[in-house]
Protein backbone atom coordinates (compact mmCIF):
# COMPACT_ATOMS: atom_id res chain seq x y z
CA MET A 1 0.02 0.01 -0.02
CA ARG A 2 1.28 3.48 -0.85
CA HIS A 3 1.37 6.01 1.96
CA PRO A 4 -1.01 8.84 1.02
CA TYR A 5 1.59 11.58 1.57
CA VAL A 6 4.40 9.79 -0.29
CA LYS A 7 4.54 10.11 -4.04
CA ARG A 8 7.88 8.74 -5.12
CA ARG A 9 8.81 6.89 -8.25
CA VAL A 10 9.82 3.27 -8.06
CA GLY A 11 13.56 2.90 -7.52
CA ALA A 12 13.88 6.35 -6.00
CA TRP A 13 16.26 6.94 -3.09
CA GLU A 14 15.13 8.41 0.17
CA TRP A 15 17.22 9.84 2.96
CA CYS A 16 16.51 9.74 6.72
CA LEU A 17 17.05 12.85 8.83
CA THR A 18 17.62 10.73 11.94
CA CYS A 19 20.30 8.27 10.80
CA GLU A 20 21.46 10.36 7.81
CA LYS A 21 21.62 7.35 5.53
CA ALA A 22 19.87 6.69 2.22
CA SER A 23 17.77 3.69 1.20
CA ARG A 24 15.35 2.88 -1.60
CA ALA A 25 11.76 4.06 -1.38
CA SER A 26 10.68 0.41 -1.73
CA ASP A 27 12.57 -0.39 1.51
CA TRP A 28 10.63 2.39 3.27
CA GLN A 29 7.40 0.93 1.88
CA ARG A 30 8.27 -2.55 3.18
CA ALA A 31 8.96 -1.01 6.60
CA ASP A 32 5.43 0.54 6.62
CA TRP A 33 6.98 3.95 5.71
CA ASP A 34 9.36 4.07 8.67
CA CYS A 35 13.10 4.23 7.99
CA PRO A 36 14.26 0.68 7.23
CA LEU A 37 17.61 1.41 8.87
CA CYS A 38 16.72 3.12 12.14
CA GLY A 39 12.90 2.93 12.44
CA SER A 40 12.35 6.67 12.37
CA GLY A 41 8.93 7.83 11.11
CA THR A 42 7.86 9.00 7.66
CA TRP A 43 8.21 12.67 8.70
CA ASN A 44 12.02 12.18 8.64
CA MET A 45 12.05 10.83 5.05
CA TRP A 46 13.50 13.26 2.48
CA ALA A 47 13.97 12.81 -1.21
CA TRP A 48 17.60 12.14 -2.06
CA SER A 49 17.41 14.90 -4.66
CA THR A 50 16.65 17.38 -1.82
CA VAL A 51 19.75 16.28 0.10
CA ARG A 52 21.87 16.56 -3.06
CA ALA A 53 20.55 20.08 -3.68
CA VAL A 54 22.23 21.09 -0.40
CA ASN A 55 25.26 18.87 -0.93
CA PRO A 56 25.95 18.69 -4.74
CA ALA A 57 29.13 16.66 -4.17
CA TYR A 58 27.09 13.68 -3.04
CA PRO A 59 26.61 10.96 -5.71
CA ALA A 60 23.47 10.65 -7.80
CA LYS A 61 23.04 7.12 -6.46
CA PRO A 62 23.95 6.89 -2.76
CA GLU A 63 25.91 3.95 -1.35
CA PRO A 64 24.11 1.83 1.22
CA GLY A 65 25.63 2.07 4.70
CA VAL A 66 27.29 5.41 4.11
CA LEU A 67 26.54 8.37 6.35
CA TYR A 68 25.57 11.46 4.37
CA PRO A 69 25.35 14.44 6.77
CA LEU A 70 22.92 17.13 5.66
CA TYR A 71 24.68 20.18 7.02
CA PRO A 72 27.98 21.31 5.48
CA VAL A 73 29.47 22.49 8.81
CA ARG A 74 28.90 19.08 10.34
CA ALA A 75 30.08 17.36 7.20
CA ALA A 76 33.32 19.39 7.23
CA SER A 77 34.07 18.47 10.87
CA GLU A 78 33.27 14.75 10.46
CA GLY A 79 34.27 14.12 6.87
CA GLN A 80 31.86 14.63 3.99
CA ALA A 81 30.67 11.04 3.80
CA SER A 82 31.79 8.29 6.12
CA ARG A 83 31.02 4.60 6.26
CA VAL A 84 29.23 3.55 9.43
């Protein structure tokens, strides 16, 4: 079942504000629209394109298991993308 507030294309990548990792929209759907990695709710799901708009150096297709901090100041102090 598609969440009424989520209109994403199949194969799209979503990013979680809580764990700062990306996963496929289909994984969110299987987890009943909670983050499949940390369990955070739908309200923390952002389109990967939105995260890339703030951080254009991030790849078009994110790597699973990689931390992608949203804020550049935090990214600069912890490394832009780090495997967790």
